[in-house]
Amino acid sequence: PSGMIEIPSGILVQGRLRGEPMDQAPYSEPLEL
């Protein structure tokens, strides 16, 4: 449909990223899955 942006296939690095402050990135999130 019109008005949409195509996101190409690829790898998502899901969850918290290394180096993020732990008070902002909870342990319940996967680490760079």
Full PDB file with SEQRES, HELIX, SHEET, SSBOND, CRYST1, ORIGX, SCALE, CONECT and MASTER records, all heavy atoms in Angstrom:
SEQRES   1 A   33  PRO SER GLY MET ILE GLU ILE PRO SER GLY ILE LEU VAL          
SEQRES   2 A   33  GLN GLY ARG LEU ARG GLY GLU PRO MET ASP GLN ALA PRO          
SEQRES   3 A   33  TYR SER GLU PRO LEU GLU LEU                                  
CRYST1    1.000    1.000    1.000  90.00  90.00  90.00 P 1           1          
ORIGX1      1.000000  0.000000  0.000000        0.00000                         
ORIGX2      0.000000  1.000000  0.000000        0.00000                         
ORIGX3      0.000000  0.000000  1.000000        0.00000                         
SCALE1      1.000000  0.000000  0.000000        0.00000                         
SCALE2      0.000000  1.000000  0.000000        0.00000                         
SCALE3      0.000000  0.000000  1.000000        0.00000                         
ATOM      1  N   PRO A   1       0.833  -1.201   0.000  1.00  0.00           N  
ATOM      2  CA  PRO A   1       0.000   0.000   0.000  1.00  0.00           C  
ATOM      3  C   PRO A   1       0.869   1.252   0.000  1.00  0.00           C  
ATOM      4  O   PRO A   1       2.015   1.225   0.440  1.00  0.00           O  
ATOM      5  CB  PRO A   1      -0.799  -0.140   1.302  1.00  0.00           C  
ATOM      6  CG  PRO A   1      -0.796  -1.613   1.598  1.00  0.00           C  
ATOM      7  CD  PRO A   1       0.544  -2.099   1.129  1.00  0.00           C  
ATOM      8  N   SER A   2       0.330   2.352  -0.492  1.00  0.00           N  
ATOM      9  CA  SER A   2       1.097   3.596  -0.574  1.00  0.00           C  
ATOM     10  C   SER A   2       1.415   4.132   0.821  1.00  0.00           C  
ATOM     11  O   SER A   2       0.736   3.812   1.801  1.00  0.00           O  
ATOM     12  CB  SER A   2       0.311   4.638  -1.368  1.00  0.00           C  
ATOM     13  OG  SER A   2      -0.907   4.956  -0.710  1.00  0.00           O  
ATOM     14  N   GLY A   3       2.455   4.945   0.885  1.00  0.00           N  
ATOM     15  CA  GLY A   3       2.813   5.582   2.148  1.00  0.00           C  
ATOM     16  C   GLY A   3       3.619   4.710   3.085  1.00  0.00           C  
ATOM     17  O   GLY A   3       3.769   5.046   4.263  1.00  0.00           O  
ATOM     18  N   MET A   4       4.149   3.596   2.575  1.00  0.00           N  
ATOM     19  CA  MET A   4       4.914   2.686   3.412  1.00  0.00           C  
ATOM     20  C   MET A   4       6.386   2.698   2.995  1.00  0.00           C  
ATOM     21  O   MET A   4       6.723   2.993   1.843  1.00  0.00           O  
ATOM     22  CB  MET A   4       4.360   1.262   3.343  1.00  0.00           C  
ATOM     23  CG  MET A   4       2.890   1.142   3.678  1.00  0.00           C  
ATOM     24  SD  MET A   4       2.351  -0.578   3.930  1.00  0.00           S  
ATOM     25  CE  MET A   4       2.846  -0.835   5.642  1.00  0.00           C  
ATOM     26  N   ILE A   5       7.259   2.400   3.940  1.00  0.00           N  
ATOM     27  CA  ILE A   5       8.692   2.338   3.697  1.00  0.00           C  
ATOM     28  C   ILE A   5       9.134   0.880   3.721  1.00  0.00           C  
ATOM     29  O   ILE A   5       8.781   0.132   4.638  1.00  0.00           O  
ATOM     30  CB  ILE A   5       9.458   3.146   4.763  1.00  0.00           C  
ATOM     31  CG1 ILE A   5       9.171   4.646   4.577  1.00  0.00           C  
ATOM     32  CG2 ILE A   5      10.956   2.874   4.696  1.00  0.00           C  
ATOM     33  CD1 ILE A   5       9.814   5.531   5.617  1.00  0.00           C  
ATOM     34  N   GLU A   6       9.910   0.491   2.719  1.00  0.00           N  
ATOM     35  CA  GLU A   6      10.398  -0.884   2.672  1.00  0.00           C  
ATOM     36  C   GLU A   6      11.612  -1.037   3.574  1.00  0.00           C  
ATOM     37  O   GLU A   6      12.565  -0.268   3.487  1.00  0.00           O  
ATOM     38  CB  GLU A   6      10.764  -1.290   1.249  1.00  0.00           C  
ATOM     39  CG  GLU A   6      11.206  -2.755   1.150  1.00  0.00           C  
ATOM     40  CD  GLU A   6      11.429  -3.222  -0.268  1.00  0.00           C  
ATOM     41  OE1 GLU A   6      11.447  -2.370  -1.184  1.00  0.00           O  
ATOM     42  OE2 GLU A   6      11.558  -4.450  -0.462  1.00  0.00           O  
ATOM     43  N   ILE A   7      11.554  -2.022   4.442  1.00  0.00           N  
ATOM     44  CA  ILE A   7      12.688  -2.372   5.300  1.00  0.00           C  
ATOM     45  C   ILE A   7      13.299  -3.641   4.712  1.00  0.00           C  
ATOM     46  O   ILE A   7      12.640  -4.686   4.666  1.00  0.00           O  
ATOM     47  CB  ILE A   7      12.250  -2.619   6.757  1.00  0.00           C  
ATOM     48  CG1 ILE A   7      11.403  -1.444   7.283  1.00  0.00           C  
ATOM     49  CG2 ILE A   7      13.470  -2.841   7.633  1.00  0.00           C  
ATOM     50  CD1 ILE A   7      12.121  -0.114   7.314  1.00  0.00           C  
ATOM     51  N   PRO A   8      14.544  -3.585   4.262  1.00  0.00           N  
ATOM     52  CA  PRO A   8      15.135  -4.755   3.600  1.00  0.00           C  
ATOM     53  C   PRO A   8      15.376  -5.893   4.582  1.00  0.00           C  
ATOM     54  O   PRO A   8      15.492  -5.684   5.808  1.00  0.00           O  
ATOM     55  CB  PRO A   8      16.453  -4.213   3.047  1.00  0.00           C  
ATOM     56  CG  PRO A   8      16.798  -3.074   3.950  1.00  0.00           C  
ATOM     57  CD  PRO A   8      15.482  -2.451   4.321  1.00  0.00           C  
ATOM     58  N   SER A   9      15.443  -7.106   4.057  1.00  0.00           N  
ATOM     59  CA  SER A   9      15.776  -8.240   4.914  1.00  0.00           C  
ATOM     60  C   SER A   9      17.158  -8.027   5.510  1.00  0.00           C  
ATOM     61  O   SER A   9      18.031  -7.393   4.910  1.00  0.00           O  
ATOM     62  CB  SER A   9      15.746  -9.542   4.110  1.00  0.00           C  
ATOM     63  OG  SER A   9      16.691  -9.487   3.057  1.00  0.00           O  
ATOM     64  N   GLY A  10      17.358  -8.534   6.705  1.00  0.00           N  
ATOM     65  CA  GLY A  10      18.648  -8.344   7.363  1.00  0.00           C  
ATOM     66  C   GLY A  10      18.621  -8.817   8.793  1.00  0.00           C  
ATOM     67  O   GLY A  10      17.625  -9.387   9.265  1.00  0.00           O  
ATOM     68  N   ILE A  11      19.695  -8.568   9.485  1.00  0.00           N  
ATOM     69  CA  ILE A  11      19.845  -8.997  10.872  1.00  0.00           C  
ATOM     70  C   ILE A  11      19.477  -7.859  11.811  1.00  0.00           C  
ATOM     71  O   ILE A  11      20.013  -6.754  11.707  1.00  0.00           O  
ATOM     72  CB  ILE A  11      21.284  -9.462  11.160  1.00  0.00           C  
ATOM     73  CG1 ILE A  11      21.656 -10.653  10.270  1.00  0.00           C  
ATOM     74  CG2 ILE A  11      21.442  -9.833  12.633  1.00  0.00           C  
ATOM     75  CD1 ILE A  11      20.828 -11.895  10.518  1.00  0.00           C  
ATOM     76  N   LEU A  12      18.555  -8.127  12.717  1.00  0.00           N  
ATOM     77  CA  LEU A  12      18.251  -7.205  13.813  1.00  0.00           C  
ATOM     78  C   LEU A  12      19.088  -7.604  15.015  1.00  0.00           C  
ATOM     79  O   LEU A  12      19.087  -8.767  15.422  1.00  0.00           O  
ATOM     80  CB  LEU A  12      16.762  -7.271  14.181  1.00  0.00           C  
ATOM     81  CG  LEU A  12      16.393  -6.645  15.532  1.00  0.00           C  
ATOM     82  CD1 LEU A  12      16.623  -5.133  15.516  1.00  0.00           C  
ATOM     83  CD2 LEU A  12      14.950  -6.980  15.905  1.00  0.00           C  
ATOM     84  N   VAL A  13      19.799  -6.650  15.584  1.00  0.00           N  
ATOM     85  CA  VAL A  13      20.485  -6.878  16.856  1.00  0.00           C  
ATOM     86  C   VAL A  13      19.492  -6.477  17.938  1.00  0.00           C  
ATOM     87  O   VAL A  13      19.375  -5.307  18.313  1.00  0.00           O  
ATOM     88  CB  VAL A  13      21.786  -6.062  16.958  1.00  0.00           C  
ATOM     89  CG1 VAL A  13      22.508  -6.375  18.266  1.00  0.00           C  
ATOM     90  CG2 VAL A  13      22.698  -6.366  15.773  1.00  0.00           C  
ATOM     91  N   GLN A  14      18.741  -7.460  18.412  1.00  0.00           N  
ATOM     92  CA  GLN A  14      17.595  -7.204  19.286  1.00  0.00           C  
ATOM     93  C   GLN A  14      18.018  -7.009  20.737  1.00  0.00           C  
ATOM     94  O   GLN A  14      18.969  -7.622  21.225  1.00  0.00           O  
ATOM     95  CB  GLN A  14      16.605  -8.364  19.194  1.00  0.00           C  
ATOM     96  CG  GLN A  14      15.299  -8.130  19.961  1.00  0.00           C  
ATOM     97  CD  GLN A  14      14.378  -9.331  19.895  1.00  0.00           C  
ATOM     98  OE1 GLN A  14      14.813 -10.435  19.573  1.00  0.00           O  
ATOM     99  NE2 GLN A  14      13.108  -9.125  20.187  1.00  0.00           N  
ATOM    100  N   GLY A  15      17.281  -6.146  21.423  1.00  0.00           N  
ATOM    101  CA  GLY A  15      17.495  -5.976  22.857  1.00  0.00           C  
ATOM    102  C   GLY A  15      18.540  -4.921  23.188  1.00  0.00           C  
ATOM    103  O   GLY A  15      18.924  -4.098  22.359  1.00  0.00           O  
ATOM    104  N   ARG A  16      19.016  -4.980  24.434  1.00  0.00           N  
ATOM    105  CA  ARG A  16      19.996  -3.987  24.888  1.00  0.00           C  
ATOM    106  C   ARG A  16      21.333  -4.207  24.196  1.00  0.00           C  
ATOM    107  O   ARG A  16      21.710  -5.322  23.852  1.00  0.00           O  
ATOM    108  CB  ARG A  16      20.162  -4.056  26.412  1.00  0.00           C  
ATOM    109  CG  ARG A  16      20.548  -5.409  26.966  1.00  0.00           C  
ATOM    110  CD  ARG A  16      20.416  -5.419  28.486  1.00  0.00           C  
ATOM    111  NE  ARG A  16      20.575  -6.767  29.022  1.00  0.00           N  
ATOM    112  CZ  ARG A  16      21.717  -7.255  29.458  1.00  0.00           C  
ATOM    113  NH1 ARG A  16      22.809  -6.497  29.461  1.00  0.00           N  
ATOM    114  NH2 ARG A  16      21.791  -8.484  29.924  1.00  0.00           N  
ATOM    115  N   LEU A  17      22.014  -3.112  23.980  1.00  0.00           N  
ATOM    116  CA  LEU A  17      23.298  -3.140  23.310  1.00  0.00           C  
ATOM    117  C   LEU A  17      24.418  -3.000  24.337  1.00  0.00           C  
ATOM    118  O   LEU A  17      24.248  -2.363  25.387  1.00  0.00           O  
ATOM    119  CB  LEU A  17      23.388  -1.999  22.290  1.00  0.00           C  
ATOM    120  CG  LEU A  17      22.274  -1.962  21.235  1.00  0.00           C  
ATOM    121  CD1 LEU A  17      22.445  -0.752  20.324  1.00  0.00           C  
ATOM    122  CD2 LEU A  17      22.255  -3.252  20.426  1.00  0.00           C  
ATOM    123  N   ARG A  18      25.529  -3.598  24.060  1.00  0.00           N  
ATOM    124  CA  ARG A  18      26.669  -3.521  24.974  1.00  0.00           C  
ATOM    125  C   ARG A  18      27.054  -2.053  25.176  1.00  0.00           C  
ATOM    126  O   ARG A  18      27.137  -1.282  24.235  1.00  0.00           O  
ATOM    127  CB  ARG A  18      27.859  -4.304  24.414  1.00  0.00           C  
ATOM    128  CG  ARG A  18      27.580  -5.788  24.271  1.00  0.00           C  
ATOM    129  CD  ARG A  18      28.790  -6.561  23.769  1.00  0.00           C  
ATOM    130  NE  ARG A  18      28.420  -7.902  23.352  1.00  0.00           N  
ATOM    131  CZ  ARG A  18      28.257  -8.920  24.193  1.00  0.00           C  
ATOM    132  NH1 ARG A  18      28.446  -8.733  25.495  1.00  0.00           N  
ATOM    133  NH2 ARG A  18      27.904 -10.114  23.745  1.00  0.00           N  
ATOM    134  N   GLY A  19      27.282  -1.698  26.419  1.00  0.00           N  
ATOM    135  CA  GLY A  19      27.657  -0.324  26.735  1.00  0.00           C  
ATOM    136  C   GLY A  19      26.504   0.552  27.163  1.00  0.00           C  
ATOM    137  O   GLY A  19      26.718   1.653  27.669  1.00  0.00           O  
ATOM    138  N   GLU A  20      25.260   0.073  26.981  1.00  0.00           N  
ATOM    139  CA  GLU A  20      24.131   0.865  27.447  1.00  0.00           C  
ATOM    140  C   GLU A  20      24.087   0.864  28.981  1.00  0.00           C  
ATOM    141  O   GLU A  20      24.304  -0.169  29.615  1.00  0.00           O  
ATOM    142  CB  GLU A  20      22.809   0.293  26.929  1.00  0.00           C  
ATOM    143  CG  GLU A  20      22.518   0.587  25.483  1.00  0.00           C  
ATOM    144  CD  GLU A  20      21.072   0.296  25.140  1.00  0.00           C  
ATOM    145  OE1 GLU A  20      20.207   1.124  25.488  1.00  0.00           O  
ATOM    146  OE2 GLU A  20      20.797  -0.758  24.548  1.00  0.00           O  
ATOM    147  N   PRO A  21      23.804   2.008  29.611  1.00  0.00           N  
ATOM    148  CA  PRO A  21      23.690   2.059  31.075  1.00  0.00           C  
ATOM    149  C   PRO A  21      22.607   1.102  31.559  1.00  0.00           C  
ATOM    150  O   PRO A  21      21.518   1.057  31.000  1.00  0.00           O  
ATOM    151  CB  PRO A  21      23.306   3.516  31.345  1.00  0.00           C  
ATOM    152  CG  PRO A  21      23.756   4.266  30.137  1.00  0.00           C  
ATOM    153  CD  PRO A  21      23.584   3.319  28.985  1.00  0.00           C  
ATOM    154  N   MET A  22      22.893   0.339  32.594  1.00  0.00           N  
ATOM    155  CA  MET A  22      21.953  -0.668  33.060  1.00  0.00           C  
ATOM    156  C   MET A  22      20.701  -0.076  33.695  1.00  0.00           C  
ATOM    157  O   MET A  22      19.674  -0.740  33.820  1.00  0.00           O  
ATOM    158  CB  MET A  22      22.646  -1.617  34.043  1.00  0.00           C  
ATOM    159  CG  MET A  22      23.731  -2.469  33.397  1.00  0.00           C  
ATOM    160  SD  MET A  22      23.192  -3.283  31.852  1.00  0.00           S  
ATOM    161  CE  MET A  22      21.816  -4.242  32.433  1.00  0.00           C  
ATOM    162  N   ASP A  23      20.753   1.202  34.089  1.00  0.00           N  
ATOM    163  CA  ASP A  23      19.542   1.818  34.623  1.00  0.00           C  
ATOM    164  C   ASP A  23      18.567   2.179  33.502  1.00  0.00           C  
ATOM    165  O   ASP A  23      17.422   2.552  33.762  1.00  0.00           O  
ATOM    166  CB  ASP A  23      19.873   3.057  35.446  1.00  0.00           C  
ATOM    167  CG  ASP A  23      20.579   4.139  34.629  1.00  0.00           C  
ATOM    168  OD1 ASP A  23      21.167   3.804  33.581  1.00  0.00           O  
ATOM    169  OD2 ASP A  23      20.552   5.306  35.056  1.00  0.00           O  
ATOM    170  N   GLN A  24      19.028   2.059  32.256  1.00  0.00           N  
ATOM    171  CA  GLN A  24      18.159   2.328  31.113  1.00  0.00           C  
ATOM    172  C   GLN A  24      17.858   1.070  30.307  1.00  0.00           C  
ATOM    173  O   GLN A  24      16.859   1.025  29.597  1.00  0.00           O  
ATOM    174  CB  GLN A  24      18.815   3.369  30.197  1.00  0.00           C  
ATOM    175  CG  GLN A  24      19.002   4.726  30.842  1.00  0.00           C  
ATOM    176  CD  GLN A  24      19.631   5.731  29.903  1.00  0.00           C  
ATOM    177  OE1 GLN A  24      19.651   5.543  28.699  1.00  0.00           O  
ATOM    178  NE2 GLN A  24      20.159   6.813  30.463  1.00  0.00           N  
ATOM    179  N   ALA A  25      18.722   0.073  30.380  1.00  0.00           N  
ATOM    180  CA  ALA A  25      18.546  -1.160  29.616  1.00  0.00           C  
ATOM    181  C   ALA A  25      18.395  -2.323  30.589  1.00  0.00           C  
ATOM    182  O   ALA A  25      19.387  -2.847  31.097  1.00  0.00           O  
ATOM    183  CB  ALA A  25      19.738  -1.376  28.693  1.00  0.00           C  
ATOM    184  N   PRO A  26      17.190  -2.753  30.907  1.00  0.00           N  
ATOM    185  CA  PRO A  26      16.973  -3.785  31.921  1.00  0.00           C  
ATOM    186  C   PRO A  26      17.513  -5.154  31.520  1.00  0.00           C  
ATOM    187  O   PRO A  26      17.606  -5.487  30.336  1.00  0.00           O  
ATOM    188  CB  PRO A  26      15.447  -3.821  32.063  1.00  0.00           C  
ATOM    189  CG  PRO A  26      14.938  -3.305  30.759  1.00  0.00           C  
ATOM    190  CD  PRO A  26      15.929  -2.275  30.317  1.00  0.00           C  
ATOM    191  N   TYR A  27      17.871  -5.942  32.527  1.00  0.00           N  
ATOM    192  CA  TYR A  27      18.383  -7.290  32.285  1.00  0.00           C  
ATOM    193  C   TYR A  27      17.351  -8.196  31.635  1.00  0.00           C  
ATOM    194  O   TYR A  27      17.699  -9.227  31.062  1.00  0.00           O  
ATOM    195  CB  TYR A  27      18.839  -7.921  33.613  1.00  0.00           C  
ATOM    196  CG  TYR A  27      20.177  -7.438  34.086  1.00  0.00           C  
ATOM    197  CD1 TYR A  27      20.284  -6.548  35.153  1.00  0.00           C  
ATOM    198  CD2 TYR A  27      21.357  -7.873  33.480  1.00  0.00           C  
ATOM    199  CE1 TYR A  27      21.517  -6.102  35.593  1.00  0.00           C  
ATOM    200  CE2 TYR A  27      22.595  -7.436  33.914  1.00  0.00           C  
ATOM    201  CZ  TYR A  27      22.674  -6.550  34.978  1.00  0.00           C  
ATOM    202  OH  TYR A  27      23.893  -6.112  35.403  1.00  0.00           O  
ATOM    203  N   SER A  28      16.079  -7.840  31.743  1.00  0.00           N  
ATOM    204  CA  SER A  28      15.032  -8.675  31.144  1.00  0.00           C  
ATOM    205  C   SER A  28      15.099  -8.671  29.620  1.00  0.00           C  
ATOM    206  O   SER A  28      14.544  -9.557  28.975  1.00  0.00           O  
ATOM    207  CB  SER A  28      13.650  -8.191  31.596  1.00  0.00           C  
ATOM    208  OG  SER A  28      13.426  -6.847  31.208  1.00  0.00           O  
ATOM    209  N   GLU A  29      15.775  -7.687  29.042  1.00  0.00           N  
ATOM    210  CA  GLU A  29      15.928  -7.641  27.595  1.00  0.00           C  
ATOM    211  C   GLU A  29      17.078  -8.552  27.174  1.00  0.00           C  
ATOM    212  O   GLU A  29      18.083  -8.649  27.864  1.00  0.00           O  
ATOM    213  CB  GLU A  29      16.233  -6.218  27.123  1.00  0.00           C  
ATOM    214  CG  GLU A  29      15.084  -5.255  27.264  1.00  0.00           C  
ATOM    215  CD  GLU A  29      15.471  -3.856  26.800  1.00  0.00           C  
ATOM    216  OE1 GLU A  29      16.590  -3.693  26.259  1.00  0.00           O  
ATOM    217  OE2 GLU A  29      14.669  -2.931  26.991  1.00  0.00           O  
ATOM    218  N   PRO A  30      16.959  -9.208  26.024  1.00  0.00           N  
ATOM    219  CA  PRO A  30      18.091  -9.994  25.522  1.00  0.00           C  
ATOM    220  C   PRO A  30      19.272  -9.082  25.227  1.00  0.00           C  
ATOM    221  O   PRO A  30      19.098  -7.902  24.903  1.00  0.00           O  
ATOM    222  CB  PRO A  30      17.540 -10.637  24.250  1.00  0.00           C  
ATOM    223  CG  PRO A  30      16.432  -9.722  23.818  1.00  0.00           C  
ATOM    224  CD  PRO A  30      15.823  -9.200  25.090  1.00  0.00           C  
ATOM    225  N   LEU A  31      20.479  -9.606  25.350  1.00  0.00           N  
ATOM    226  CA  LEU A  31      21.682  -8.834  25.066  1.00  0.00           C  
ATOM    227  C   LEU A  31      22.141  -9.125  23.639  1.00  0.00           C  
ATOM    228  O   LEU A  31      22.614 -10.224  23.337  1.00  0.00           O  
ATOM    229  CB  LEU A  31      22.801  -9.169  26.050  1.00  0.00           C  
ATOM    230  CG  LEU A  31      24.161  -8.515  25.776  1.00  0.00           C  
ATOM    231  CD1 LEU A  31      24.040  -6.994  25.843  1.00  0.00           C  
ATOM    232  CD2 LEU A  31      25.211  -9.014  26.766  1.00  0.00           C  
ATOM    233  N   GLU A  32      21.925  -8.159  22.756  1.00  0.00           N  
ATOM    234  CA  GLU A  32      22.383  -8.246  21.370  1.00  0.00           C  
ATOM    235  C   GLU A  32      22.047  -9.597  20.731  1.00  0.00           C  
ATOM    236  O   GLU A  32      22.889 -10.261  20.142  1.00  0.00           O  
ATOM    237  CB  GLU A  32      23.881  -7.955  21.286  1.00  0.00           C  
ATOM    238  CG  GLU A  32      24.230  -6.536  21.702  1.00  0.00           C  
ATOM    239  CD  GLU A  32      25.657  -6.147  21.363  1.00  0.00           C  
ATOM    240  OE1 GLU A  32      26.456  -7.020  20.964  1.00  0.00           O  
ATOM    241  OE2 GLU A  32      25.980  -4.945  21.483  1.00  0.00           O  
ATOM    242  N   LEU A  33      20.783  -9.984  20.849  1.00  0.00           N  
ATOM    243  CA  LEU A  33      20.303 -11.205  20.207  1.00  0.00           C  
ATOM    244  C   LEU A  33      20.161 -10.948  18.712  1.00  0.00           C  
ATOM    245  O   LEU A  33      19.480 -10.010  18.286  1.00  0.00           O  
ATOM    246  CB  LEU A  33      18.953 -11.603  20.796  1.00  0.00           C  
ATOM    247  CG  LEU A  33      18.284 -12.845  20.201  1.00  0.00           C  
ATOM    248  CD1 LEU A  33      19.123 -14.087  20.488  1.00  0.00           C  
ATOM    249  CD2 LEU A  33      16.876 -13.001  20.771  1.00  0.00           C  
TER     250      LEU A  33                                                      
MASTER        0    0    0    0    0    0    0    6  249    1    0    3          
END                                                                             
